[in-house]
C-alpha atoms as a PDB file:
ATOM      1  CA  MET A   1      65.984  14.935 -20.763  1.00  0.00           C
ATOM      2  CA  LYS A   2      64.352  11.908 -22.447  1.00  0.00           C
ATOM      3  CA  LYS A   3      63.946  10.352 -18.977  1.00  0.00           C
ATOM      4  CA  VAL A   4      62.129  13.453 -17.685  1.00  0.00           C
ATOM      5  CA  LYS A   5      59.727  13.415 -20.666  1.00  0.00           C
ATOM      6  CA  VAL A   6      58.901   9.748 -20.092  1.00  0.00           C
ATOM      7  CA  CYS A   7      58.263  10.360 -16.390  1.00  0.00           C
ATOM      8  CA  ALA A   8      56.009  13.326 -17.224  1.00  0.00           C
ATOM      9  CA  ALA A   9      54.033  11.254 -19.733  1.00  0.00           C
ATOM     10  CA  VAL A  10      53.567   8.450 -17.188  1.00  0.00           C
ATOM     11  CA  LEU A  11      52.463  10.981 -14.557  1.00  0.00           C
ATOM     12  CA  ILE A  12      49.858  12.464 -16.939  1.00  0.00           C
ATOM     13  CA  MET A  13      48.519   8.978 -17.693  1.00  0.00           C
ATOM     14  CA  ILE A  14      48.196   8.156 -13.962  1.00  0.00           C
ATOM     15  CA  LEU A  15      46.404  11.431 -13.273  1.00  0.00           C
ATOM     16  CA  GLY A  16      44.009  10.733 -16.159  1.00  0.00           C
ATOM     17  CA  ILE A  17      43.188   7.277 -14.816  1.00  0.00           C
ATOM     18  CA  LEU A  18      42.641   8.605 -11.306  1.00  0.00           C
ATOM     19  CA  SER A  19      40.414  11.386 -12.652  1.00  0.00           C
ATOM     20  CA  GLY A  20      38.324   8.836 -14.576  1.00  0.00           C
ATOM     21  CA  CYS A  21      37.953   6.645 -11.504  1.00  0.00           C
ATOM     22  CA  SER A  22      36.911   9.632  -9.448  1.00  0.00           C
ATOM     23  CA  GLY A  23      34.247  10.552 -12.009  1.00  0.00           C
ATOM     24  CA  LYS A  24      32.856   6.990 -12.031  1.00  0.00           C
ATOM     25  CA  ALA A  25      32.784   6.835  -8.259  1.00  0.00           C
ATOM     26  CA  GLU A  26      30.888  10.115  -8.179  1.00  0.00           C
ATOM     27  CA  GLU A  27      28.416   8.813 -10.771  1.00  0.00           C
ATOM     28  CA  LYS A  28      27.793   5.682  -8.734  1.00  0.00           C
ATOM     29  CA  THR A  29      27.454   7.633  -5.489  1.00  0.00           C
ATOM     30  CA  ASN A  30      24.824   9.835  -7.082  1.00  0.00           C
ATOM     31  CA  GLY A  31      23.019   6.719  -8.280  1.00  0.00           C
ATOM     32  CA  THR A  32      22.760   8.115 -11.776  1.00  0.00           C
ATOM     33  CA  GLU A  33      25.312   5.969 -13.589  1.00  0.00           C
ATOM     34  CA  LYS A  34      24.412   6.219 -17.284  1.00  0.00           C
ATOM     35  CA  GLY A  35      21.505   8.447 -16.236  1.00  0.00           C
ATOM     36  CA  LYS A  36      19.534   5.666 -14.524  1.00  0.00           C
ATOM     37  CA  ILE A  37      17.918   6.138 -11.111  1.00  0.00           C
ATOM     38  CA  LYS A  38      17.770   3.036  -8.905  1.00  0.00           C
ATOM     39  CA  ILE A  39      14.727   2.721  -6.604  1.00  0.00           C
ATOM     40  CA  GLY A  40      14.090  -0.037  -4.060  1.00  0.00           C
ATOM     41  CA  VAL A  41      10.498  -1.088  -3.358  1.00  0.00           C
ATOM     42  CA  LEU A  42       9.395  -2.990  -0.244  1.00  0.00           C
ATOM     43  CA  TYR A  43       5.863  -4.424  -0.531  1.00  0.00           C
ATOM     44  CA  GLN A  44       3.956  -5.549   2.556  1.00  0.00           C
ATOM     45  CA  ASN A  45       2.565  -8.754   0.989  1.00  0.00           C
ATOM     46  CA  LEU A  46       2.303  -9.766  -2.665  1.00  0.00           C
ATOM     47  CA  GLN A  47      -0.286 -12.413  -1.806  1.00  0.00           C
ATOM     48  CA  ASN A  48      -2.751  -9.508  -1.609  1.00  0.00           C
ATOM     49  CA  GLU A  49      -4.417  -8.637  -4.925  1.00  0.00           C
ATOM     50  CA  TYR A  50      -4.406  -4.903  -4.219  1.00  0.00           C
ATOM     51  CA  ILE A  51      -0.670  -4.931  -3.489  1.00  0.00           C
ATOM     52  CA  VAL A  52      -0.102  -6.808  -6.760  1.00  0.00           C
ATOM     53  CA  GLY A  53      -2.025  -3.981  -8.450  1.00  0.00           C
ATOM     54  CA  LEU A  54       0.291  -1.490  -6.760  1.00  0.00           C
ATOM     55  CA  GLN A  55       3.311  -3.422  -8.027  1.00  0.00           C
ATOM     56  CA  ASP A  56       1.911  -3.433 -11.574  1.00  0.00           C
ATOM     57  CA  SER A  57       1.449   0.334 -11.431  1.00  0.00           C
ATOM     58  CA  ILE A  58       4.909   0.998  -9.986  1.00  0.00           C
ATOM     59  CA  ARG A  59       6.531  -1.229 -12.609  1.00  0.00           C
ATOM     60  CA  LYS A  60       4.636   0.450 -15.457  1.00  0.00           C
ATOM     61  CA  TYR A  61       5.583   3.999 -14.502  1.00  0.00           C
ATOM     62  CA  ALA A  62       9.143   3.098 -13.519  1.00  0.00           C
ATOM     63  CA  LYS A  63       9.677   1.528 -16.937  1.00  0.00           C
ATOM     64  CA  SER A  64       8.325   4.575 -18.762  1.00  0.00           C
ATOM     65  CA  SER A  65      10.693   6.797 -16.726  1.00  0.00           C
ATOM     66  CA  GLY A  66      13.762   4.614 -17.265  1.00  0.00           C
ATOM     67  CA  ILE A  67      14.027   3.757 -13.564  1.00  0.00           C
ATOM     68  CA  GLU A  68      15.714   0.561 -12.361  1.00  0.00           C
ATOM     69  CA  LEU A  69      13.650  -1.196  -9.669  1.00  0.00           C
ATOM     70  CA  ILE A  70      14.828  -3.570  -6.946  1.00  0.00           C
ATOM     71  CA  GLU A  71      11.711  -5.155  -5.398  1.00  0.00           C
ATOM     72  CA  SER A  72      11.109  -7.302  -2.311  1.00  0.00           C
ATOM     73  CA  ASP A  73       8.045  -8.995  -0.813  1.00  0.00           C
ATOM     74  CA  GLY A  74       7.773  -8.616   2.970  1.00  0.00           C
ATOM     75  CA  GLU A  75       5.256 -11.500   3.116  1.00  0.00           C
ATOM     76  CA  GLY A  76       3.303  -9.562   5.740  1.00  0.00           C
ATOM     77  CA  LYS A  77       6.201  -9.385   8.217  1.00  0.00           C
ATOM     78  CA  ALA A  78       7.906  -6.186   9.375  1.00  0.00           C
ATOM     79  CA  GLU A  79      11.073  -8.100  10.288  1.00  0.00           C
ATOM     80  CA  ASN A  80      11.421  -9.150   6.642  1.00  0.00           C
ATOM     81  CA  GLN A  81      11.252  -5.529   5.556  1.00  0.00           C
ATOM     82  CA  ILE A  82      13.976  -4.600   8.069  1.00  0.00           C
ATOM     83  CA  SER A  83      16.434  -7.071   6.520  1.00  0.00           C
ATOM     84  CA  GLN A  84      15.331  -6.132   3.001  1.00  0.00           C
ATOM     85  CA  VAL A  85      16.067  -2.432   3.524  1.00  0.00           C
ATOM     86  CA  GLU A  86      19.590  -3.353   4.650  1.00  0.00           C
ATOM     87  CA  ASN A  87      20.078  -5.070   1.282  1.00  0.00           C
ATOM     88  CA  LEU A  88      18.802  -1.991  -0.542  1.00  0.00           C
ATOM     89  CA  ILE A  89      21.199   0.245   1.393  1.00  0.00           C
ATOM     90  CA  ASN A  90      24.094  -2.076   0.489  1.00  0.00           C
ATOM     91  CA  GLN A  91      23.048  -1.857  -3.171  1.00  0.00           C
ATOM     92  CA  GLN A  92      23.186   1.948  -2.951  1.00  0.00           C
ATOM     93  CA  VAL A  93      19.678   2.662  -4.170  1.00  0.00           C
ATOM     94  CA  ASP A  94      18.808   6.309  -4.743  1.00  0.00           C
ATOM     95  CA  ALA A  95      15.376   6.159  -3.080  1.00  0.00           C
ATOM     96  CA  ILE A  96      13.103   3.656  -1.359  1.00  0.00           C
ATOM     97  CA  ILE A  97       9.347   3.137  -1.660  1.00  0.00           C
ATOM     98  CA  LEU A  98       7.990   1.431   1.472  1.00  0.00           C
ATOM     99  CA  ASN A  99       4.563  -0.192   1.667  1.00  0.00           C
ATOM    100  CA  PRO A 100       4.686  -0.896   5.437  1.00  0.00           C
ATOM    101  CA  ALA A 101       3.643  -4.275   6.813  1.00  0.00           C
ATOM    102  CA  ASP A 102       3.164  -2.849  10.298  1.00  0.00           C
ATOM    103  CA  LYS A 103       2.879   0.686  11.675  1.00  0.00           C
ATOM    104  CA  ASP A 104       5.357   0.144  14.525  1.00  0.00           C
ATOM    105  CA  GLY A 105       7.377  -2.818  13.271  1.00  0.00           C
ATOM    106  CA  SER A 106       8.223  -1.253   9.901  1.00  0.00           C
ATOM    107  CA  ALA A 107       9.358   1.994  11.548  1.00  0.00           C
ATOM    108  CA  GLY A 108      12.862   0.502  11.690  1.00  0.00           C
ATOM    109  CA  VAL A 109      12.984   0.609   7.889  1.00  0.00           C
ATOM    110  CA  VAL A 110      12.579   4.386   8.010  1.00  0.00           C
ATOM    111  CA  GLU A 111      15.260   4.695  10.705  1.00  0.00           C
ATOM    112  CA  LYS A 112      17.784   2.758   8.614  1.00  0.00           C
ATOM    113  CA  ALA A 113      17.012   4.691   5.431  1.00  0.00           C
ATOM    114  CA  ALA A 114      17.309   8.014   7.280  1.00  0.00           C
ATOM    115  CA  ALA A 115      20.654   6.964   8.789  1.00  0.00           C
ATOM    116  CA  ALA A 116      21.882   6.078   5.289  1.00  0.00           C
ATOM    117  CA  LYS A 117      20.561   9.424   3.976  1.00  0.00           C
ATOM    118  CA  ILE A 118      18.351   7.694   1.393  1.00  0.00           C
ATOM    119  CA  PRO A 119      14.975   9.346   0.630  1.00  0.00           C
ATOM    120  CA  LEU A 120      12.076   7.102   1.651  1.00  0.00           C
ATOM    121  CA  ILE A 121       8.467   7.378   0.517  1.00  0.00           C
ATOM    122  CA  THR A 122       5.749   5.432   2.338  1.00  0.00           C
ATOM    123  CA  VAL A 123       2.814   4.299   0.221  1.00  0.00           C
ATOM    124  CA  LEU A 124      -0.734   3.176   1.226  1.00  0.00           C
ATOM    125  CA  ALA A 125       0.106   2.766   4.926  1.00  0.00           C
ATOM    126  CA  VAL A 126       2.167   4.853   7.329  1.00  0.00           C
ATOM    127  CA  VAL A 127       4.659   4.124  10.105  1.00  0.00           C
ATOM    128  CA  SER A 128       4.785   5.402  13.684  1.00  0.00           C
ATOM    129  CA  ASN A 129       7.812   7.600  12.871  1.00  0.00           C
ATOM    130  CA  GLU A 130       6.301   8.969   9.670  1.00  0.00           C
ATOM    131  CA  GLU A 131       7.880  12.373  10.355  1.00  0.00           C
ATOM    132  CA  LYS A 132      11.253  10.808   9.434  1.00  0.00           C
ATOM    133  CA  ALA A 133       9.996   9.651   6.030  1.00  0.00           C
ATOM    134  CA  THR A 134      10.602  11.968   3.083  1.00  0.00           C
ATOM    135  CA  ALA A 135       6.993  11.797   1.903  1.00  0.00           C
ATOM    136  CA  HIS A 136       3.786   9.758   1.946  1.00  0.00           C
ATOM    137  CA  VAL A 137       1.570   8.693  -0.956  1.00  0.00           C
ATOM    138  CA  GLY A 138      -1.848   7.229  -0.266  1.00  0.00           C
ATOM    139  CA  SER A 139      -5.437   7.918   0.607  1.00  0.00           C
ATOM    140  CA  ASP A 140      -7.175   8.888   3.840  1.00  0.00           C
ATOM    141  CA  ASP A 141      -8.067   5.541   5.437  1.00  0.00           C
ATOM    142  CA  VAL A 142     -10.167   7.225   8.128  1.00  0.00           C
ATOM    143  CA  GLU A 143     -12.336   8.589   5.331  1.00  0.00           C
ATOM    144  CA  ALA A 144     -12.571   5.126   3.740  1.00  0.00           C
ATOM    145  CA  GLY A 145     -13.826   3.691   7.037  1.00  0.00           C
ATOM    146  CA  LYS A 146     -16.398   6.460   7.279  1.00  0.00           C
ATOM    147  CA  ILE A 147     -17.609   6.005   3.697  1.00  0.00           C
ATOM    148  CA  GLU A 148     -18.232   2.265   4.002  1.00  0.00           C
ATOM    149  CA  MET A 149     -19.895   2.426   7.425  1.00  0.00           C
ATOM    150  CA  LYS A 150     -22.064   5.386   6.457  1.00  0.00           C
ATOM    151  CA  HIS A 151     -23.332   3.462   3.429  1.00  0.00           C
ATOM    152  CA  VAL A 152     -24.168   0.422   5.555  1.00  0.00           C
ATOM    153  CA  VAL A 153     -26.019   2.559   8.118  1.00  0.00           C
ATOM    154  CA  GLU A 154     -28.059   4.110   5.305  1.00  0.00           C
ATOM    155  CA  LEU A 155     -28.833   0.720   3.744  1.00  0.00           C
ATOM    156  CA  LEU A 156     -30.051  -0.624   7.102  1.00  0.00           C
ATOM    157  CA  GLY A 157     -32.090   2.495   7.878  1.00  0.00           C
ATOM    158  CA  GLY A 158     -29.974   3.132  10.975  1.00  0.00           C
ATOM    159  CA  LYS A 159     -30.949  -0.124  12.670  1.00  0.00           C
ATOM    160  CA  GLY A 160     -29.489  -3.652  12.619  1.00  0.00           C
ATOM    161  CA  THR A 161     -26.803  -6.117  13.640  1.00  0.00           C
ATOM    162  CA  ILE A 162     -23.421  -6.071  11.933  1.00  0.00           C
ATOM    163  CA  ALA A 163     -19.940  -7.571  12.133  1.00  0.00           C
ATOM    164  CA  ILE A 164     -16.645  -5.886  11.268  1.00  0.00           C
ATOM    165  CA  ILE A 165     -13.744  -7.776   9.689  1.00  0.00           C
ATOM    166  CA  HIS A 166     -10.515  -5.936  10.499  1.00  0.00           C
ATOM    167  CA  GLY A 167      -7.219  -5.813   8.652  1.00  0.00           C
ATOM    168  CA  PRO A 168      -4.018  -6.866  10.458  1.00  0.00           C
ATOM    169  CA  ASN A 169      -3.991  -5.427  13.978  1.00  0.00           C
ATOM    170  CA  GLY A 170      -1.518  -2.550  14.143  1.00  0.00           C
ATOM    171  CA  ASN A 171      -1.399  -1.918  10.406  1.00  0.00           C
ATOM    172  CA  SER A 172      -2.028   1.798   9.914  1.00  0.00           C
ATOM    173  CA  ALA A 173      -4.793   1.178   7.358  1.00  0.00           C
ATOM    174  CA  GLU A 174      -6.574  -1.079   9.867  1.00  0.00           C
ATOM    175  CA  VAL A 175      -6.151   1.459  12.654  1.00  0.00           C
ATOM    176  CA  ASN A 176      -7.452   4.344  10.552  1.00  0.00           C
ATOM    177  CA  ARG A 177     -10.291   2.448   8.862  1.00  0.00           C
ATOM    178  CA  THR A 178     -11.437   1.279  12.296  1.00  0.00           C
ATOM    179  CA  GLU A 179     -11.363   4.878  13.499  1.00  0.00           C
ATOM    180  CA  GLY A 180     -13.558   5.863  10.554  1.00  0.00           C
ATOM    181  CA  ASN A 181     -15.950   2.934  11.147  1.00  0.00           C
ATOM    182  CA  LYS A 182     -16.355   3.819  14.813  1.00  0.00           C
ATOM    183  CA  GLU A 183     -16.765   7.541  14.111  1.00  0.00           C
ATOM    184  CA  ILE A 184     -19.938   6.805  12.130  1.00  0.00           C
ATOM    185  CA  LEU A 185     -21.173   4.250  14.672  1.00  0.00           C
ATOM    186  CA  LYS A 186     -21.046   6.901  17.428  1.00  0.00           C
ATOM    187  CA  ASP A 187     -24.022   8.560  15.760  1.00  0.00           C
ATOM    188  CA  SER A 188     -25.804   5.267  15.043  1.00  0.00           C
ATOM    189  CA  PRO A 189     -26.913   3.921  18.447  1.00  0.00           C
ATOM    190  CA  ASN A 190     -29.308   1.385  16.914  1.00  0.00           C
ATOM    191  CA  ILE A 191     -26.569  -0.392  14.975  1.00  0.00           C
ATOM    192  CA  LYS A 192     -25.252  -3.260  17.094  1.00  0.00           C
ATOM    193  CA  VAL A 193     -21.753  -4.628  16.433  1.00  0.00           C
ATOM    194  CA  ALA A 194     -22.208  -8.315  17.284  1.00  0.00           C
ATOM    195  CA  ALA A 195     -18.659  -9.355  16.390  1.00  0.00           C
ATOM    196  CA  GLU A 196     -15.380  -7.928  15.129  1.00  0.00           C
ATOM    197  CA  GLN A 197     -12.073  -9.635  14.481  1.00  0.00           C
ATOM    198  CA  THR A 198      -9.058  -9.493  12.203  1.00  0.00           C
ATOM    199  CA  ALA A 199      -8.741 -11.633   9.086  1.00  0.00           C
ATOM    200  CA  ASN A 200      -5.375 -10.093   8.116  1.00  0.00           C
ATOM    201  CA  TRP A 201      -6.529  -8.848   4.678  1.00  0.00           C
ATOM    202  CA  SER A 202      -7.006 -12.536   3.737  1.00  0.00           C
ATOM    203  CA  ARG A 203      -9.935 -13.963   1.750  1.00  0.00           C
ATOM    204  CA  GLU A 204      -9.429 -17.410   3.272  1.00  0.00           C
ATOM    205  CA  GLU A 205      -9.278 -16.137   6.861  1.00  0.00           C
ATOM    206  CA  ALA A 206     -12.414 -14.047   6.340  1.00  0.00           C
ATOM    207  CA  LEU A 207     -14.213 -17.095   4.923  1.00  0.00           C
ATOM    208  CA  ALA A 208     -13.408 -19.146   8.034  1.00  0.00           C
ATOM    209  CA  LEU A 209     -14.254 -16.276  10.359  1.00  0.00           C
ATOM    210  CA  THR A 210     -17.639 -15.679   8.733  1.00  0.00           C
ATOM    211  CA  GLU A 211     -18.470 -19.394   8.789  1.00  0.00           C
ATOM    212  CA  ASN A 212     -17.848 -19.349  12.533  1.00  0.00           C
ATOM    213  CA  TRP A 213     -20.008 -16.256  13.088  1.00  0.00           C
ATOM    214  CA  LEU A 214     -22.917 -17.679  11.105  1.00  0.00           C
ATOM    215  CA  GLN A 215     -23.164 -20.664  13.422  1.00  0.00           C
ATOM    216  CA  SER A 216     -24.342 -18.478  16.305  1.00  0.00           C
ATOM    217  CA  GLN A 217     -25.937 -15.308  14.909  1.00  0.00           C
ATOM    218  CA  MET A 218     -27.779 -13.587  12.104  1.00  0.00           C
ATOM    219  CA  LEU A 219     -26.068 -10.563  10.597  1.00  0.00           C
ATOM    220  CA  ASP A 220     -27.706  -7.764   8.635  1.00  0.00           C
ATOM    221  CA  ALA A 221     -24.357  -6.622   7.277  1.00  0.00           C
ATOM    222  CA  ILE A 222     -20.653  -7.421   7.265  1.00  0.00           C
ATOM    223  CA  VAL A 223     -18.277  -4.488   7.030  1.00  0.00           C
ATOM    224  CA  ALA A 224     -14.894  -5.671   5.753  1.00  0.00           C
ATOM    225  CA  GLN A 225     -11.906  -3.346   5.753  1.00  0.00           C
ATOM    226  CA  ASN A 226     -10.743  -4.610   2.364  1.00  0.00           C
ATOM    227  CA  ASP A 227     -12.248  -6.417  -0.627  1.00  0.00           C
ATOM    228  CA  GLU A 228     -10.323  -9.661  -0.177  1.00  0.00           C
ATOM    229  CA  MET A 229     -12.007 -10.166   3.205  1.00  0.00           C
ATOM    230  CA  ALA A 230     -15.391  -9.031   1.868  1.00  0.00           C
ATOM    231  CA  LEU A 231     -15.172 -11.672  -0.868  1.00  0.00           C
ATOM    232  CA  GLY A 232     -14.271 -14.329   1.705  1.00  0.00           C
ATOM    233  CA  ALA A 233     -17.357 -13.350   3.715  1.00  0.00           C
ATOM    234  CA  ILE A 234     -19.520 -13.582   0.583  1.00  0.00           C
ATOM    235  CA  LYS A 235     -18.292 -17.111  -0.108  1.00  0.00           C
ATOM    236  CA  ALA A 236     -19.252 -18.183   3.410  1.00  0.00           C
ATOM    237  CA  LEU A 237     -22.674 -16.507   3.196  1.00  0.00           C
ATOM    238  CA  SER A 238     -23.352 -18.044  -0.193  1.00  0.00           C
ATOM    239  CA  ALA A 239     -22.455 -21.550   1.032  1.00  0.00           C
ATOM    240  CA  ALA A 240     -24.787 -21.086   4.015  1.00  0.00           C
ATOM    241  CA  GLY A 241     -27.626 -19.835   1.791  1.00  0.00           C
ATOM    242  CA  LYS A 242     -27.674 -16.481   3.623  1.00  0.00           C
ATOM    243  CA  LEU A 243     -26.254 -14.105   1.039  1.00  0.00           C
ATOM    244  CA  ASN A 244     -29.644 -12.508   0.334  1.00  0.00           C
ATOM    245  CA  GLU A 245     -30.061 -11.741   4.038  1.00  0.00           C
ATOM    246  CA  THR A 246     -26.714 -10.019   4.636  1.00  0.00           C
ATOM    247  CA  LYS A 247     -25.195  -6.972   2.943  1.00  0.00           C
ATOM    248  CA  VAL A 248     -21.414  -6.978   2.495  1.00  0.00           C
ATOM    249  CA  ILE A 249     -19.137  -4.017   1.776  1.00  0.00           C
ATOM    250  CA  GLY A 250     -15.383  -3.805   1.270  1.00  0.00           C
ATOM    251  CA  ILE A 251     -12.654  -1.313   0.361  1.00  0.00           C
ATOM    252  CA  ASP A 252     -10.241  -1.111  -2.614  1.00  0.00           C
ATOM    253  CA  ALA A 253     -12.419  -1.849  -5.695  1.00  0.00           C
ATOM    254  CA  ILE A 254     -10.193  -4.673  -6.932  1.00  0.00           C
ATOM    255  CA  PRO A 255     -11.415  -6.332 -10.179  1.00  0.00           C
ATOM    256  CA  ASP A 256     -12.920  -9.338  -8.355  1.00  0.00           C
ATOM    257  CA  ALA A 257     -14.928  -6.966  -6.161  1.00  0.00           C
ATOM    258  CA  LEU A 258     -16.259  -4.995  -9.121  1.00  0.00           C
ATOM    259  CA  ASN A 259     -17.286  -8.257 -10.809  1.00  0.00           C
ATOM    260  CA  SER A 260     -18.996  -9.326  -7.582  1.00  0.00           C
ATOM    261  CA  ILE A 261     -20.996  -6.083  -7.465  1.00  0.00           C
ATOM    262  CA  GLN A 262     -22.007  -6.625 -11.082  1.00  0.00           C
ATOM    263  CA  SER A 263     -23.244 -10.147 -10.313  1.00  0.00           C
ATOM    264  CA  GLY A 264     -25.291  -8.856  -7.364  1.00  0.00           C
ATOM    265  CA  GLU A 265     -23.234 -10.420  -4.555  1.00  0.00           C
ATOM    266  CA  LEU A 266     -21.062  -7.668  -3.064  1.00  0.00           C
ATOM    267  CA  THR A 267     -23.216  -4.712  -2.036  1.00  0.00           C
ATOM    268  CA  ALA A 268     -20.559  -2.027  -2.464  1.00  0.00           C
ATOM    269  CA  THR A 269     -16.880  -1.190  -2.186  1.00  0.00           C
ATOM    270  CA  VAL A 270     -14.797   1.951  -1.753  1.00  0.00           C
ATOM    271  CA  PHE A 271     -12.555   2.778  -4.707  1.00  0.00           C
ATOM    272  CA  GLN A 272      -8.902   3.310  -3.946  1.00  0.00           C
ATOM    273  CA  ASP A 273      -7.028   4.395  -7.068  1.00  0.00           C
ATOM    274  CA  VAL A 274      -4.079   2.004  -7.065  1.00  0.00           C
ATOM    275  CA  ASP A 275      -2.834   3.116 -10.488  1.00  0.00           C
ATOM    276  CA  ALA A 276      -2.692   6.759  -9.409  1.00  0.00           C
ATOM    277  CA  GLN A 277      -1.033   5.761  -6.116  1.00  0.00           C
ATOM    278  CA  GLY A 278       1.662   3.758  -7.905  1.00  0.00           C
ATOM    279  CA  LYS A 279       2.324   6.551 -10.407  1.00  0.00           C
ATOM    280  CA  MET A 280       2.563   9.170  -7.682  1.00  0.00           C
ATOM    281  CA  ALA A 281       4.875   6.987  -5.561  1.00  0.00           C
ATOM    282  CA  VAL A 282       7.243   6.599  -8.525  1.00  0.00           C
ATOM    283  CA  ASP A 283       7.074  10.317  -9.389  1.00  0.00           C
ATOM    284  CA  VAL A 284       7.785  11.419  -5.808  1.00  0.00           C
ATOM    285  CA  ALA A 285      10.604   8.876  -5.337  1.00  0.00           C
ATOM    286  CA  PHE A 286      12.159   9.908  -8.664  1.00  0.00           C
ATOM    287  CA  LYS A 287      12.167  13.599  -7.691  1.00  0.00           C
ATOM    288  CA  ALA A 288      13.507  12.855  -4.200  1.00  0.00           C
ATOM    289  CA  ALA A 289      16.287  10.684  -5.678  1.00  0.00           C
ATOM    290  CA  LYS A 290      17.403  13.658  -7.766  1.00  0.00           C
ATOM    291  CA  GLY A 291      17.431  15.900  -4.705  1.00  0.00           C
ATOM    292  CA  GLU A 292      14.335  17.849  -5.701  1.00  0.00           C
ATOM    293  CA  LYS A 293      11.852  19.146  -3.133  1.00  0.00           C
ATOM    294  CA  VAL A 294       8.671  17.031  -2.779  1.00  0.00           C
ATOM    295  CA  GLU A 295       5.342  17.454  -0.989  1.00  0.00           C
ATOM    296  CA  LYS A 296       5.203  15.688   2.378  1.00  0.00           C
ATOM    297  CA  ASN A 297       1.661  14.323   1.932  1.00  0.00           C
ATOM    298  CA  ASN A 298       0.273  13.273  -1.440  1.00  0.00           C
ATOM    299  CA  MET A 299      -3.315  12.103  -1.042  1.00  0.00           C
ATOM    300  CA  ILE A 300      -5.766  10.602  -3.548  1.00  0.00           C
ATOM    301  CA  PRO A 301      -9.484  10.564  -2.561  1.00  0.00           C
ATOM    302  CA  PHE A 302     -11.610   7.456  -1.992  1.00  0.00           C
ATOM    303  CA  GLN A 303     -14.984   7.032  -3.750  1.00  0.00           C
ATOM    304  CA  LEU A 304     -18.000   4.815  -3.006  1.00  0.00           C
ATOM    305  CA  VAL A 305     -18.778   2.205  -5.692  1.00  0.00           C
ATOM    306  CA  THR A 306     -22.248   0.662  -6.024  1.00  0.00           C
ATOM    307  CA  LYS A 307     -24.126  -0.987  -8.866  1.00  0.00           C
ATOM    308  CA  ASP A 308     -25.440   2.465  -9.842  1.00  0.00           C
ATOM    309  CA  ASN A 309     -22.017   3.904 -10.732  1.00  0.00           C
ATOM    310  CA  LEU A 310     -20.147   0.660 -11.427  1.00  0.00           C
ATOM    311  CA  ASP A 311     -19.524   1.334 -15.130  1.00  0.00           C
ATOM    312  CA  LYS A 312     -17.413   4.384 -14.279  1.00  0.00           C
ATOM    313  CA  PHE A 313     -14.981   2.249 -12.269  1.00  0.00           C
ATOM    314  CA  LYS A 314     -15.014  -0.846 -14.482  1.00  0.00           C
ATOM    315  CA  SER A 315     -13.484   1.284 -17.223  1.00  0.00           C
ATOM    316  CA  LYS A 316     -10.563   2.503 -15.050  1.00  0.00           C
END
């Protein structure tokens, strides 16, 4: 009889241990061990000031929500993001925020996340298989391209010679901002585009590109598809003593750009609310990680920034 009681006690202990293990495994599978959601973030390139601003925003709102972040820098290469998402899948993250390096190249990230049944939210840029992403957070880049080109056309009175500095070829923001630029130019037959080329969102590349252009032509305006490139163009124009002759506009409203407008160098920029984008990306990823329904498209409007309304944006 004593033997039976001992065996029963041992059996109860074993069942208790197994039950505890099962509960822990379930907690880990749900990604909510001790109530903490784990979100992976893949940035396109942390050498870009705007992307650093996005990271700051994501970190701030993740911290206030008690979210654990696992972050990676793609260094501008889609192939890096492909290997990085594999690491996130292995670490059993509950959701992924993807800032794509390339529209087509980064599509593989979405494929892998979908296969692993992990919610994925694209932010700022989109991928060619966007329908497989859980949601998108960003702003309408076609509209940004329209806003900046429309302002330049108005400043030039509908007549002049300009150059366009593109973002990385194939990046969705570059594709869409170009579409917006060209949409306005269709109705501006007296605006001549003398040159256009990519500078890959880089201040240094835009500086070299503008220096090269200035050797052979006069430009009434330079339309840059982000502020980093606009600031590179300004440096080249200033060194050549031609800054007063050429208007320069960018997109993003990074702090350096706002300071440049204040000092009378940069003509204008287009405000993209990076803090709101980061907050929304975290909010949407957090809800998706918990299995809640989220909106497919979450868009934040662009706004033109000039010296006239600068104070409003300097305070943001």
